[in-house]
N, C-alpha and C. Protein backbone atom coordinates (compact mmCIF):
# COMPACT_ATOMS: atom_id res chain seq x y z
N MET A 1 99.42 112.93 108.18
CA MET A 1 100.16 111.71 107.99
C MET A 1 99.27 110.65 108.71
N ILE A 2 99.63 110.07 107.50
CA ILE A 2 98.61 108.44 107.91
C ILE A 2 99.80 107.21 108.19
N SER A 3 100.54 107.08 107.66
CA SER A 3 101.71 105.54 107.93
C SER A 3 102.84 106.44 107.62
N VAL A 4 103.35 106.16 108.56
CA VAL A 4 105.15 106.10 108.23
C VAL A 4 106.52 104.88 108.10
N SER A 5 107.23 104.93 107.99
CA SER A 5 108.36 103.72 108.31
C SER A 5 109.53 104.33 108.99
N PHE A 6 109.75 103.76 109.61
CA PHE A 6 110.91 104.12 110.74
C PHE A 6 112.74 102.82 110.41
N ALA A 7 113.42 103.13 110.46
CA ALA A 7 114.01 102.68 110.37
C ALA A 7 115.88 102.84 111.09
N ALA A 8 115.92 102.45 112.37
CA ALA A 8 117.11 102.79 113.10
C ALA A 8 118.15 101.62 112.43
N GLY A 9 119.58 102.28 112.56
CA GLY A 9 120.64 101.68 112.54
C GLY A 9 120.10 100.95 110.61
N TYR A 10 119.38 101.20 110.10
CA TYR A 10 119.28 100.39 108.52
C TYR A 10 119.97 101.23 107.33
N SER A 11 119.91 101.95 107.15
CA SER A 11 120.63 103.08 105.77
C SER A 11 122.33 102.48 105.79
N THR A 12 122.51 102.75 104.86
CA THR A 12 123.51 102.61 104.35
C THR A 12 124.94 102.78 105.73
N ASP A 13 124.73 103.97 106.16
CA ASP A 13 125.78 104.55 106.31
C ASP A 13 125.40 104.03 108.20
N GLY A 14 124.45 103.09 108.32
CA GLY A 14 124.94 102.92 110.32
C GLY A 14 123.12 103.69 110.95
N GLY A 15 123.21 104.84 110.12
CA GLY A 15 122.07 105.69 110.87
C GLY A 15 120.45 105.22 110.98
N TYR A 16 119.91 106.20 110.37
CA TYR A 16 118.70 106.09 110.44
C TYR A 16 118.21 106.67 109.53
N ALA A 17 116.78 105.90 109.35
CA ALA A 17 116.08 106.28 107.78
C ALA A 17 114.10 106.23 108.15
N ALA A 18 113.95 107.41 107.65
CA ALA A 18 112.30 107.11 107.09
C ALA A 18 111.40 107.49 106.26
N GLY A 19 110.27 107.26 106.34
CA GLY A 19 109.76 107.04 104.84
C GLY A 19 108.17 107.19 105.18
N VAL A 20 108.18 108.28 104.02
CA VAL A 20 106.18 107.74 104.57
C VAL A 20 105.92 106.82 103.48
N LEU A 21 104.42 106.00 103.53
CA LEU A 21 104.27 105.11 103.09
C LEU A 21 102.76 105.46 102.08
N LEU A 22 102.19 106.18 103.61
CA LEU A 22 100.99 106.71 102.77
C LEU A 22 100.63 108.11 103.53
N GLY A 23 100.08 108.81 102.57
CA GLY A 23 100.25 110.26 103.61
C GLY A 23 99.24 110.84 102.94
N ALA A 24 98.46 111.84 103.94
CA ALA A 24 97.31 112.87 102.81
C ALA A 24 97.63 114.33 103.18
N TYR A 25 98.11 114.95 102.36
CA TYR A 25 98.23 116.39 102.56
C TYR A 25 97.17 117.84 102.07
N LYS A 26 97.11 117.88 102.92
CA LYS A 26 96.10 119.40 103.12
C LYS A 26 96.77 120.45 101.28
N PHE A 27 96.06 120.67 100.31
CA PHE A 27 96.45 121.33 99.44
C PHE A 27 95.29 121.99 98.89
N ALA A 28 95.41 123.60 99.10
CA ALA A 28 94.70 124.80 98.57
C ALA A 28 93.17 124.15 99.75
N ALA A 29 92.34 124.10 98.95
CA ALA A 29 90.85 123.94 100.06
C ALA A 29 90.47 122.31 99.79
N GLY A 30 91.74 121.39 99.35
CA GLY A 30 91.38 119.93 99.40
C GLY A 30 92.77 119.06 100.19
N GLN A 31 92.91 118.09 99.37
CA GLN A 31 93.62 117.51 99.80
C GLN A 31 94.22 116.02 98.92
N PHE A 32 95.58 115.58 98.98
CA PHE A 32 95.65 114.76 97.92
C PHE A 32 96.87 113.38 99.05
N PHE A 33 96.65 112.61 98.17
CA PHE A 33 97.17 110.91 99.00
C PHE A 33 98.07 110.68 98.30
N VAL A 34 99.20 110.52 99.12
CA VAL A 34 100.67 110.10 98.62
C VAL A 34 100.90 108.22 98.89
N ASN A 35 100.84 107.34 97.85
CA ASN A 35 100.68 105.85 98.44
C ASN A 35 101.62 105.65 97.78
N SER A 36 102.47 104.74 98.94
CA SER A 36 103.90 103.51 98.12
C SER A 36 103.07 101.88 98.28
N PHE A 37 102.01 102.27 98.58
CA PHE A 37 101.63 100.55 98.92
C PHE A 37 101.30 100.06 97.53
N GLY A 38 101.61 98.39 97.37
CA GLY A 38 100.63 98.53 95.76
C GLY A 38 99.74 97.76 95.70
N LEU A 39 98.39 98.54 95.89
CA LEU A 39 97.65 98.54 96.19
C LEU A 39 96.61 98.12 94.95
N LEU A 40 97.26 98.37 93.75
CA LEU A 40 95.88 98.29 92.52
C LEU A 40 96.40 96.78 92.26
N GLU A 41 97.90 96.35 92.26
CA GLU A 41 97.79 95.46 92.12
C GLU A 41 97.80 94.18 92.47
N ASN A 42 96.78 94.25 94.10
CA ASN A 42 96.73 93.26 95.01
C ASN A 42 95.23 93.24 95.24
N LEU A 43 94.52 94.34 94.52
CA LEU A 43 93.43 94.14 94.97
C LEU A 43 92.63 92.66 94.26
N ASP A 44 92.11 92.59 94.82
CA ASP A 44 91.07 90.98 94.66
C ASP A 44 91.80 89.93 94.96
N LYS A 45 93.35 90.15 95.39
CA LYS A 45 93.98 88.95 95.69
C LYS A 45 94.46 88.97 97.40
N HIS A 46 94.76 90.17 97.60
CA HIS A 46 94.30 90.00 99.23
C HIS A 46 93.82 91.24 100.07
N PRO A 47 93.37 90.55 100.80
CA PRO A 47 92.38 91.42 101.27
C PRO A 47 92.75 92.77 102.30
N ALA A 48 94.21 93.03 102.49
CA ALA A 48 94.38 94.15 103.19
C ALA A 48 94.19 95.07 102.17
N ALA A 49 94.55 94.94 101.00
CA ALA A 49 94.71 95.62 99.87
C ALA A 49 93.14 96.21 99.64
N ASP A 50 92.39 95.38 99.64
CA ASP A 50 90.96 95.34 99.21
C ASP A 50 90.18 96.88 100.32
N ARG A 51 90.54 96.19 101.99
CA ARG A 51 90.21 96.70 103.18
C ARG A 51 90.78 98.43 103.01
N LEU A 52 92.00 98.90 102.84
CA LEU A 52 93.00 99.69 102.57
C LEU A 52 92.54 101.03 101.71
N LEU A 53 92.25 100.38 100.29
CA LEU A 53 91.39 101.04 99.14
C LEU A 53 90.30 101.17 100.22
N LEU A 54 89.36 100.78 100.25
CA LEU A 54 87.90 100.64 101.02
C LEU A 54 88.26 101.73 101.98
N ASN A 55 89.20 101.60 103.27
CA ASN A 55 89.52 102.89 104.27
C ASN A 55 89.96 104.32 103.38
N LEU A 56 90.54 104.41 102.90
CA LEU A 56 90.93 105.33 101.72
C LEU A 56 89.99 106.07 101.14
N ILE A 57 88.63 105.46 101.10
CA ILE A 57 87.48 105.78 100.06
C ILE A 57 86.69 106.48 101.07
N GLN A 58 86.30 106.01 102.26
CA GLN A 58 85.63 106.19 102.58
C GLN A 58 86.09 107.59 104.12
N HIS A 59 87.60 107.38 104.18
CA HIS A 59 88.47 108.95 104.78
C HIS A 59 88.18 109.82 103.76
N ALA A 60 88.36 109.92 102.41
CA ALA A 60 88.26 110.61 101.36
C ALA A 60 86.66 111.17 100.83
N SER A 61 85.89 110.23 101.42
CA SER A 61 84.36 110.80 101.29
C SER A 61 84.01 111.56 102.52
N GLY A 62 84.38 111.93 103.30
CA GLY A 62 84.54 112.67 104.50
C GLY A 62 84.05 114.25 104.67
N SER A 63 85.23 114.51 103.88
CA SER A 63 86.02 115.67 103.43
C SER A 63 85.13 116.34 101.94
N ILE A 64 84.20 115.53 101.34
CA ILE A 64 83.46 116.60 100.09
C ILE A 64 82.69 117.10 100.73
N GLN A 65 82.76 118.57 99.71
CA GLN A 65 81.91 118.94 99.84
C GLN A 65 80.82 119.23 98.62
N ALA A 66 79.64 119.92 98.90
CA ALA A 66 78.92 120.07 98.31
C ALA A 66 79.30 120.93 96.88
N ALA A 67 79.75 122.32 97.80
CA ALA A 67 80.21 123.60 96.64
C ALA A 67 81.54 123.03 96.38
N GLN A 68 82.05 122.81 94.73
CA GLN A 68 83.57 123.12 94.72
C GLN A 68 84.24 124.53 94.97
N ALA A 69 85.47 123.66 95.59
CA ALA A 69 86.09 125.27 95.64
C ALA A 69 86.78 125.91 94.65
N SER A 70 87.46 126.96 93.86
CA SER A 70 87.91 127.85 92.84
C SER A 70 89.29 127.32 93.36
N LEU A 71 90.25 127.10 92.35
CA LEU A 71 91.53 127.19 92.35
C LEU A 71 92.14 128.06 93.12
N PRO A 72 93.07 128.25 93.96
CA PRO A 72 93.86 129.31 94.03
C PRO A 72 94.21 130.05 93.16
N GLU A 73 94.48 131.52 93.32
CA GLU A 73 95.00 131.88 92.19
C GLU A 73 96.58 131.94 91.93
N ASP A 74 97.25 131.60 92.95
CA ASP A 74 98.59 131.66 92.87
C ASP A 74 98.75 130.08 92.44
N PHE A 75 98.12 129.17 91.73
CA PHE A 75 97.80 127.51 91.80
C PHE A 75 98.89 127.04 90.80
N ALA A 76 99.06 127.93 89.28
CA ALA A 76 100.23 127.34 88.68
C ALA A 76 101.95 127.42 89.49
N SER A 77 101.50 128.78 90.24
CA SER A 77 103.14 128.87 91.06
C SER A 77 103.59 127.82 92.05
N ARG A 78 102.05 127.11 92.23
CA ARG A 78 102.39 126.23 93.32
C ARG A 78 102.71 124.81 92.75
N LEU A 79 102.13 124.60 91.93
CA LEU A 79 102.54 123.30 91.35
C LEU A 79 104.24 123.31 91.08
N LYS A 80 104.25 124.58 90.05
CA LYS A 80 106.16 124.67 90.01
C LYS A 80 106.67 124.85 91.22
N LYS A 81 105.99 124.87 92.10
CA LYS A 81 107.11 125.21 93.42
C LYS A 81 107.40 123.96 93.91
N ILE A 82 106.00 122.97 93.83
CA ILE A 82 105.95 121.43 93.97
C ILE A 82 106.85 120.92 93.65
N GLY A 83 107.61 121.15 91.97
CA GLY A 83 107.73 120.04 90.92
C GLY A 83 106.68 119.39 90.40
N TYR A 84 105.90 120.02 89.95
CA TYR A 84 104.55 119.26 89.04
C TYR A 84 105.08 119.66 87.69
N VAL A 85 104.91 120.90 87.69
CA VAL A 85 105.54 121.04 86.69
C VAL A 85 106.45 122.09 86.40
N ASP A 86 107.35 122.09 84.69
CA ASP A 86 108.50 122.98 84.31
C ASP A 86 108.32 124.46 84.65
């Protein structure tokens, strides 16, 4: 997890709410990022968006390996399980 949000007493029922703003998740031999920040629409407009994108690229480049890993045998079922395909 890279960035999360918490809000105590903020949800509609007066309880607790939380969410992932930016996350990195391992998947098979690699990883993927989930991002809810408005990076693309703020590039070249806001220095924080520029810096965050550069940091993400630097972070991701540290995990690049020379040889490409094969997809796992159950790749299609994994995609279906996470709701990516029907």
